[in-house]
Amino acid sequence: RAVARLASEGVSGCKTVFDVAPSYLSPLSGE
């Protein structure tokens, strides 16, 4: 899910779990 969100933001390249904000893992909104 986080990969899909990062891709939609135009992020390219490789990431690890260290690079992903926890909120990107959740289907819930920030609110």
PDB file of all heavy atoms in Angstrom:
ATOM      1  N   ARG A   1       0.839  -1.206   0.000  1.00  0.00           N
ATOM      2  CA  ARG A   1       0.000   0.000   0.000  1.00  0.00           C
ATOM      3  C   ARG A   1       0.873   1.255   0.000  1.00  0.00           C
ATOM      4  O   ARG A   1       0.601   2.224  -0.719  1.00  0.00           O
ATOM      5  CB  ARG A   1      -0.910  -0.007   1.233  1.00  0.00           C
ATOM      6  CG  ARG A   1      -1.785   1.242   1.351  1.00  0.00           C
ATOM      7  CD  ARG A   1      -2.651   1.219   2.600  1.00  0.00           C
ATOM      8  NE  ARG A   1      -3.641   0.155   2.523  1.00  0.00           N
ATOM      9  CZ  ARG A   1      -3.646  -0.943   3.290  1.00  0.00           C
ATOM     10  NH1 ARG A   1      -2.683  -1.104   4.212  1.00  0.00           N
ATOM     11  NH2 ARG A   1      -4.582  -1.860   3.158  1.00  0.00           N
ATOM     12  N   ALA A   2       1.930   1.227   0.801  1.00  0.00           N
ATOM     13  CA  ALA A   2       2.837   2.374   0.851  1.00  0.00           C
ATOM     14  C   ALA A   2       3.524   2.592  -0.495  1.00  0.00           C
ATOM     15  O   ALA A   2       3.685   3.737  -0.943  1.00  0.00           O
ATOM     16  CB  ALA A   2       3.884   2.168   1.951  1.00  0.00           C
ATOM     17  N   VAL A   3       3.926   1.505  -1.153  1.00  0.00           N
ATOM     18  CA  VAL A   3       4.552   1.618  -2.476  1.00  0.00           C
ATOM     19  C   VAL A   3       3.592   2.279  -3.455  1.00  0.00           C
ATOM     20  O   VAL A   3       3.974   3.170  -4.227  1.00  0.00           O
ATOM     21  CB  VAL A   3       4.996   0.231  -2.982  1.00  0.00           C
ATOM     22  CG1 VAL A   3       5.396   0.296  -4.457  1.00  0.00           C
ATOM     23  CG2 VAL A   3       6.163  -0.293  -2.153  1.00  0.00           C
ATOM     24  N   ALA A   4       2.320   1.858  -3.439  1.00  0.00           N
ATOM     25  CA  ALA A   4       1.327   2.444  -4.341  1.00  0.00           C
ATOM     26  C   ALA A   4       1.160   3.933  -4.077  1.00  0.00           C
ATOM     27  O   ALA A   4       1.052   4.744  -5.008  1.00  0.00           O
ATOM     28  CB  ALA A   4      -0.006   1.719  -4.195  1.00  0.00           C
ATOM     29  N   ARG A   5       1.147   4.323  -2.811  1.00  0.00           N
ATOM     30  CA  ARG A   5       0.976   5.743  -2.473  1.00  0.00           C
ATOM     31  C   ARG A   5       2.195   6.561  -2.881  1.00  0.00           C
ATOM     32  O   ARG A   5       2.068   7.667  -3.411  1.00  0.00           O
ATOM     33  CB  ARG A   5       0.717   5.885  -0.973  1.00  0.00           C
ATOM     34  CG  ARG A   5      -0.657   5.390  -0.563  1.00  0.00           C
ATOM     35  CD  ARG A   5      -0.909   5.628   0.904  1.00  0.00           C
ATOM     36  NE  ARG A   5      -2.293   5.287   1.236  1.00  0.00           N
ATOM     37  CZ  ARG A   5      -2.792   5.297   2.462  1.00  0.00           C
ATOM     38  NH1 ARG A   5      -2.000   5.626   3.487  1.00  0.00           N
ATOM     39  NH2 ARG A   5      -4.051   4.979   2.689  1.00  0.00           N
ATOM     40  N   LEU A   6       3.372   6.031  -2.615  1.00  0.00           N
ATOM     41  CA  LEU A   6       4.588   6.738  -3.010  1.00  0.00           C
ATOM     42  C   LEU A   6       4.650   6.891  -4.532  1.00  0.00           C
ATOM     43  O   LEU A   6       5.040   7.947  -5.049  1.00  0.00           O
ATOM     44  CB  LEU A   6       5.819   5.992  -2.500  1.00  0.00           C
ATOM     45  CG  LEU A   6       6.026   5.998  -0.976  1.00  0.00           C
ATOM     46  CD1 LEU A   6       7.105   4.993  -0.586  1.00  0.00           C
ATOM     47  CD2 LEU A   6       6.400   7.393  -0.486  1.00  0.00           C
ATOM     48  N   ALA A   7       4.264   5.843  -5.238  1.00  0.00           N
ATOM     49  CA  ALA A   7       4.269   5.912  -6.699  1.00  0.00           C
ATOM     50  C   ALA A   7       3.296   6.975  -7.198  1.00  0.00           C
ATOM     51  O   ALA A   7       3.594   7.703  -8.152  1.00  0.00           O
ATOM     52  CB  ALA A   7       3.917   4.544  -7.291  1.00  0.00           C
ATOM     53  N   SER A   8       2.139   7.080  -6.548  1.00  0.00           N
ATOM     54  CA  SER A   8       1.156   8.082  -6.968  1.00  0.00           C
ATOM     55  C   SER A   8       1.653   9.505  -6.719  1.00  0.00           C
ATOM     56  O   SER A   8       1.193  10.447  -7.358  1.00  0.00           O
ATOM     57  CB  SER A   8      -0.164   7.867  -6.225  1.00  0.00           C
ATOM     58  OG  SER A   8      -0.048   8.218  -4.850  1.00  0.00           O
ATOM     59  N   GLU A   9       2.624   9.642  -5.817  1.00  0.00           N
ATOM     60  CA  GLU A   9       3.222  10.940  -5.536  1.00  0.00           C
ATOM     61  C   GLU A   9       4.436  11.222  -6.416  1.00  0.00           C
ATOM     62  O   GLU A   9       5.094  12.255  -6.263  1.00  0.00           O
ATOM     63  CB  GLU A   9       3.623  11.017  -4.064  1.00  0.00           C
ATOM     64  CG  GLU A   9       2.439  10.954  -3.098  1.00  0.00           C
ATOM     65  CD  GLU A   9       2.871  10.854  -1.644  1.00  0.00           C
ATOM     66  OE1 GLU A   9       4.111  10.837  -1.393  1.00  0.00           O
ATOM     67  OE2 GLU A   9       2.000  10.789  -0.762  1.00  0.00           O
ATOM     68  N   GLY A  10       4.762  10.281  -7.294  1.00  0.00           N
ATOM     69  CA  GLY A  10       5.870  10.479  -8.208  1.00  0.00           C
ATOM     70  C   GLY A  10       7.225  10.110  -7.655  1.00  0.00           C
ATOM     71  O   GLY A  10       8.257  10.474  -8.231  1.00  0.00           O
ATOM     72  N   VAL A  11       7.244   9.370  -6.545  1.00  0.00           N
ATOM     73  CA  VAL A  11       8.513   8.961  -5.940  1.00  0.00           C
ATOM     74  C   VAL A  11       9.100   7.796  -6.747  1.00  0.00           C
ATOM     75  O   VAL A  11       8.395   6.838  -7.076  1.00  0.00           O
ATOM     76  CB  VAL A  11       8.306   8.526  -4.483  1.00  0.00           C
ATOM     77  CG1 VAL A  11       9.608   7.965  -3.895  1.00  0.00           C
ATOM     78  CG2 VAL A  11       7.805   9.697  -3.646  1.00  0.00           C
ATOM     79  N   SER A  12      10.367   7.872  -7.059  1.00  0.00           N
ATOM     80  CA  SER A  12      11.029   6.772  -7.773  1.00  0.00           C
ATOM     81  C   SER A  12      12.267   6.325  -7.007  1.00  0.00           C
ATOM     82  O   SER A  12      12.770   7.032  -6.140  1.00  0.00           O
ATOM     83  CB  SER A  12      11.412   7.197  -9.192  1.00  0.00           C
ATOM     84  OG  SER A  12      12.401   8.205  -9.159  1.00  0.00           O
ATOM     85  N   GLY A  13      12.744   5.135  -7.347  1.00  0.00           N
ATOM     86  CA  GLY A  13      13.905   4.581  -6.662  1.00  0.00           C
ATOM     87  C   GLY A  13      13.488   3.565  -5.620  1.00  0.00           C
ATOM     88  O   GLY A  13      12.316   3.217  -5.483  1.00  0.00           O
ATOM     89  N   CYS A  14      14.474   3.069  -4.893  1.00  0.00           N
ATOM     90  CA  CYS A  14      14.253   2.006  -3.921  1.00  0.00           C
ATOM     91  C   CYS A  14      14.138   2.560  -2.509  1.00  0.00           C
ATOM     92  O   CYS A  14      14.837   3.505  -2.138  1.00  0.00           O
ATOM     93  CB  CYS A  14      15.393   0.996  -3.984  1.00  0.00           C
ATOM     94  SG  CYS A  14      15.082  -0.515  -3.040  1.00  0.00           S
ATOM     95  N   LYS A  15      13.271   1.956  -1.716  1.00  0.00           N
ATOM     96  CA  LYS A  15      13.071   2.312  -0.317  1.00  0.00           C
ATOM     97  C   LYS A  15      13.177   1.056   0.532  1.00  0.00           C
ATOM     98  O   LYS A  15      13.114  -0.069   0.038  1.00  0.00           O
ATOM     99  CB  LYS A  15      11.691   2.955  -0.107  1.00  0.00           C
ATOM    100  CG  LYS A  15      11.393   4.138  -1.010  1.00  0.00           C
ATOM    101  CD  LYS A  15      12.305   5.311  -0.733  1.00  0.00           C
ATOM    102  CE  LYS A  15      12.010   6.480  -1.675  1.00  0.00           C
ATOM    103  NZ  LYS A  15      12.986   7.582  -1.487  1.00  0.00           N
ATOM    104  N   THR A  16      13.319   1.252   1.847  1.00  0.00           N
ATOM    105  CA  THR A  16      13.206   0.167   2.820  1.00  0.00           C
ATOM    106  C   THR A  16      12.177   0.589   3.862  1.00  0.00           C
ATOM    107  O   THR A  16      11.635   1.702   3.801  1.00  0.00           O
ATOM    108  CB  THR A  16      14.545  -0.145   3.516  1.00  0.00           C
ATOM    109  OG1 THR A  16      14.852   0.907   4.454  1.00  0.00           O
ATOM    110  CG2 THR A  16      15.678  -0.298   2.518  1.00  0.00           C
ATOM    111  N   VAL A  17      11.927  -0.276   4.821  1.00  0.00           N
ATOM    112  CA  VAL A  17      10.969   0.060   5.870  1.00  0.00           C
ATOM    113  C   VAL A  17      11.394   1.305   6.649  1.00  0.00           C
ATOM    114  O   VAL A  17      10.563   1.997   7.232  1.00  0.00           O
ATOM    115  CB  VAL A  17      10.757  -1.119   6.840  1.00  0.00           C
ATOM    116  CG1 VAL A  17      10.142  -2.308   6.110  1.00  0.00           C
ATOM    117  CG2 VAL A  17      12.057  -1.524   7.518  1.00  0.00           C
ATOM    118  N   PHE A  18      12.687   1.606   6.647  1.00  0.00           N
ATOM    119  CA  PHE A  18      13.172   2.798   7.353  1.00  0.00           C
ATOM    120  C   PHE A  18      12.689   4.096   6.695  1.00  0.00           C
ATOM    121  O   PHE A  18      12.662   5.142   7.343  1.00  0.00           O
ATOM    122  CB  PHE A  18      14.699   2.813   7.398  1.00  0.00           C
ATOM    123  CG  PHE A  18      15.314   1.711   8.211  1.00  0.00           C
ATOM    124  CD1 PHE A  18      16.562   1.199   7.864  1.00  0.00           C
ATOM    125  CD2 PHE A  18      14.674   1.187   9.319  1.00  0.00           C
ATOM    126  CE1 PHE A  18      17.145   0.187   8.611  1.00  0.00           C
ATOM    127  CE2 PHE A  18      15.251   0.174  10.075  1.00  0.00           C
ATOM    128  CZ  PHE A  18      16.489  -0.328   9.720  1.00  0.00           C
ATOM    129  N   ASP A  19      12.344   4.046   5.441  1.00  0.00           N
ATOM    130  CA  ASP A  19      12.054   5.255   4.672  1.00  0.00           C
ATOM    131  C   ASP A  19      10.569   5.580   4.562  1.00  0.00           C
ATOM    132  O   ASP A  19      10.213   6.597   3.964  1.00  0.00           O
ATOM    133  CB  ASP A  19      12.616   5.107   3.248  1.00  0.00           C
ATOM    134  CG  ASP A  19      14.094   4.750   3.252  1.00  0.00           C
ATOM    135  OD1 ASP A  19      14.853   5.445   3.930  1.00  0.00           O
ATOM    136  OD2 ASP A  19      14.467   3.765   2.585  1.00  0.00           O
ATOM    137  N   VAL A  20       9.705   4.738   5.105  1.00  0.00           N
ATOM    138  CA  VAL A  20       8.257   4.877   4.906  1.00  0.00           C
ATOM    139  C   VAL A  20       7.594   5.349   6.191  1.00  0.00           C
ATOM    140  O   VAL A  20       7.719   4.705   7.239  1.00  0.00           O
ATOM    141  CB  VAL A  20       7.641   3.538   4.459  1.00  0.00           C
ATOM    142  CG1 VAL A  20       6.124   3.664   4.322  1.00  0.00           C
ATOM    143  CG2 VAL A  20       8.256   3.083   3.139  1.00  0.00           C
ATOM    144  N   ALA A  21       6.858   6.455   6.107  1.00  0.00           N
ATOM    145  CA  ALA A  21       6.114   6.946   7.265  1.00  0.00           C
ATOM    146  C   ALA A  21       5.020   5.952   7.634  1.00  0.00           C
ATOM    147  O   ALA A  21       4.373   5.379   6.752  1.00  0.00           O
ATOM    148  CB  ALA A  21       5.491   8.303   6.957  1.00  0.00           C
ATOM    149  N   PRO A  22       4.780   5.702   8.929  1.00  0.00           N
ATOM    150  CA  PRO A  22       3.775   4.713   9.335  1.00  0.00           C
ATOM    151  C   PRO A  22       2.391   4.953   8.743  1.00  0.00           C
ATOM    152  O   PRO A  22       1.666   3.995   8.437  1.00  0.00           O
ATOM    153  CB  PRO A  22       3.759   4.834  10.864  1.00  0.00           C
ATOM    154  CG  PRO A  22       5.128   5.326  11.214  1.00  0.00           C
ATOM    155  CD  PRO A  22       5.520   6.237  10.092  1.00  0.00           C
ATOM    156  N   SER A  23       2.012   6.203   8.559  1.00  0.00           N
ATOM    157  CA  SER A  23       0.670   6.489   8.044  1.00  0.00           C
ATOM    158  C   SER A  23       0.472   5.954   6.627  1.00  0.00           C
ATOM    159  O   SER A  23      -0.663   5.687   6.212  1.00  0.00           O
ATOM    160  CB  SER A  23       0.403   7.997   8.071  1.00  0.00           C
ATOM    161  OG  SER A  23       1.312   8.686   7.229  1.00  0.00           O
ATOM    162  N   TYR A  24       1.571   5.760   5.886  1.00  0.00           N
ATOM    163  CA  TYR A  24       1.456   5.241   4.521  1.00  0.00           C
ATOM    164  C   TYR A  24       1.063   3.763   4.497  1.00  0.00           C
ATOM    165  O   TYR A  24       0.672   3.240   3.459  1.00  0.00           O
ATOM    166  CB  TYR A  24       2.778   5.423   3.773  1.00  0.00           C
ATOM    167  CG  TYR A  24       2.981   6.791   3.191  1.00  0.00           C
ATOM    168  CD1 TYR A  24       3.061   7.918   4.007  1.00  0.00           C
ATOM    169  CD2 TYR A  24       3.098   6.982   1.820  1.00  0.00           C
ATOM    170  CE1 TYR A  24       3.243   9.181   3.484  1.00  0.00           C
ATOM    171  CE2 TYR A  24       3.288   8.238   1.276  1.00  0.00           C
ATOM    172  CZ  TYR A  24       3.357   9.336   2.126  1.00  0.00           C
ATOM    173  OH  TYR A  24       3.533  10.584   1.594  1.00  0.00           O
ATOM    174  N   LEU A  25       1.181   3.089   5.638  1.00  0.00           N
ATOM    175  CA  LEU A  25       0.838   1.674   5.701  1.00  0.00           C
ATOM    176  C   LEU A  25      -0.649   1.453   5.913  1.00  0.00           C
ATOM    177  O   LEU A  25      -1.160   0.362   5.657  1.00  0.00           O
ATOM    178  CB  LEU A  25       1.586   0.996   6.863  1.00  0.00           C
ATOM    179  CG  LEU A  25       3.104   1.151   6.914  1.00  0.00           C
ATOM    180  CD1 LEU A  25       3.651   0.450   8.139  1.00  0.00           C
ATOM    181  CD2 LEU A  25       3.743   0.611   5.649  1.00  0.00           C
ATOM    182  N   SER A  26      -1.345   2.475   6.395  1.00  0.00           N
ATOM    183  CA  SER A  26      -2.729   2.304   6.828  1.00  0.00           C
ATOM    184  C   SER A  26      -3.729   2.755   5.761  1.00  0.00           C
ATOM    185  O   SER A  26      -3.509   3.756   5.081  1.00  0.00           O
ATOM    186  CB  SER A  26      -2.970   3.113   8.110  1.00  0.00           C
ATOM    187  OG  SER A  26      -4.330   3.082   8.483  1.00  0.00           O
ATOM    188  N   PRO A  27      -4.857   2.054   5.656  1.00  0.00           N
ATOM    189  CA  PRO A  27      -5.920   2.526   4.763  1.00  0.00           C
ATOM    190  C   PRO A  27      -6.702   3.689   5.364  1.00  0.00           C
ATOM    191  O   PRO A  27      -7.499   4.321   4.667  1.00  0.00           O
ATOM    192  CB  PRO A  27      -6.810   1.289   4.606  1.00  0.00           C
ATOM    193  CG  PRO A  27      -6.619   0.520   5.862  1.00  0.00           C
ATOM    194  CD  PRO A  27      -5.185   0.749   6.257  1.00  0.00           C
ATOM    195  N   LEU A  28      -6.487   3.981   6.643  1.00  0.00           N
ATOM    196  CA  LEU A  28      -7.209   5.057   7.310  1.00  0.00           C
ATOM    197  C   LEU A  28      -6.629   6.417   6.942  1.00  0.00           C
ATOM    198  O   LEU A  28      -5.433   6.544   6.646  1.00  0.00           O
ATOM    199  CB  LEU A  28      -7.148   4.882   8.832  1.00  0.00           C
ATOM    200  CG  LEU A  28      -7.728   3.576   9.390  1.00  0.00           C
ATOM    201  CD1 LEU A  28      -7.547   3.537  10.897  1.00  0.00           C
ATOM    202  CD2 LEU A  28      -9.191   3.419   9.009  1.00  0.00           C
ATOM    203  N   SER A  29      -7.457   7.424   6.987  1.00  0.00           N
ATOM    204  CA  SER A  29      -7.004   8.796   6.727  1.00  0.00           C
ATOM    205  C   SER A  29      -6.234   9.321   7.927  1.00  0.00           C
ATOM    206  O   SER A  29      -6.282   8.747   9.024  1.00  0.00           O
ATOM    207  CB  SER A  29      -8.207   9.707   6.473  1.00  0.00           C
ATOM    208  OG  SER A  29      -8.980   9.843   7.665  1.00  0.00           O
ATOM    209  N   GLY A  30      -5.535  10.429   7.729  1.00  0.00           N
ATOM    210  CA  GLY A  30      -4.822  11.053   8.834  1.00  0.00           C
ATOM    211  C   GLY A  30      -5.750  11.422   9.968  1.00  0.00           C
ATOM    212  O   GLY A  30      -5.414  11.247  11.154  1.00  0.00           O
ATOM    213  N   GLU A  31      -6.919  11.911   9.636  1.00  0.00           N
ATOM    214  CA  GLU A  31      -7.891  12.287  10.666  1.00  0.00           C
ATOM    215  C   GLU A  31      -8.325  11.071  11.469  1.00  0.00           C
ATOM    216  O   GLU A  31      -8.425  11.115  12.712  1.00  0.00           O
ATOM    217  CB  GLU A  31      -9.116  12.947  10.013  1.00  0.00           C
ATOM    218  CG  GLU A  31      -8.867  14.316   9.417  1.00  0.00           C
ATOM    219  CD  GLU A  31      -8.220  14.252   8.043  1.00  0.00           C
ATOM    220  OE1 GLU A  31      -7.991  13.117   7.523  1.00  0.00           O
ATOM    221  OE2 GLU A  31      -7.926  15.334   7.477  1.00  0.00           O
TER     222      GLU A  31
END
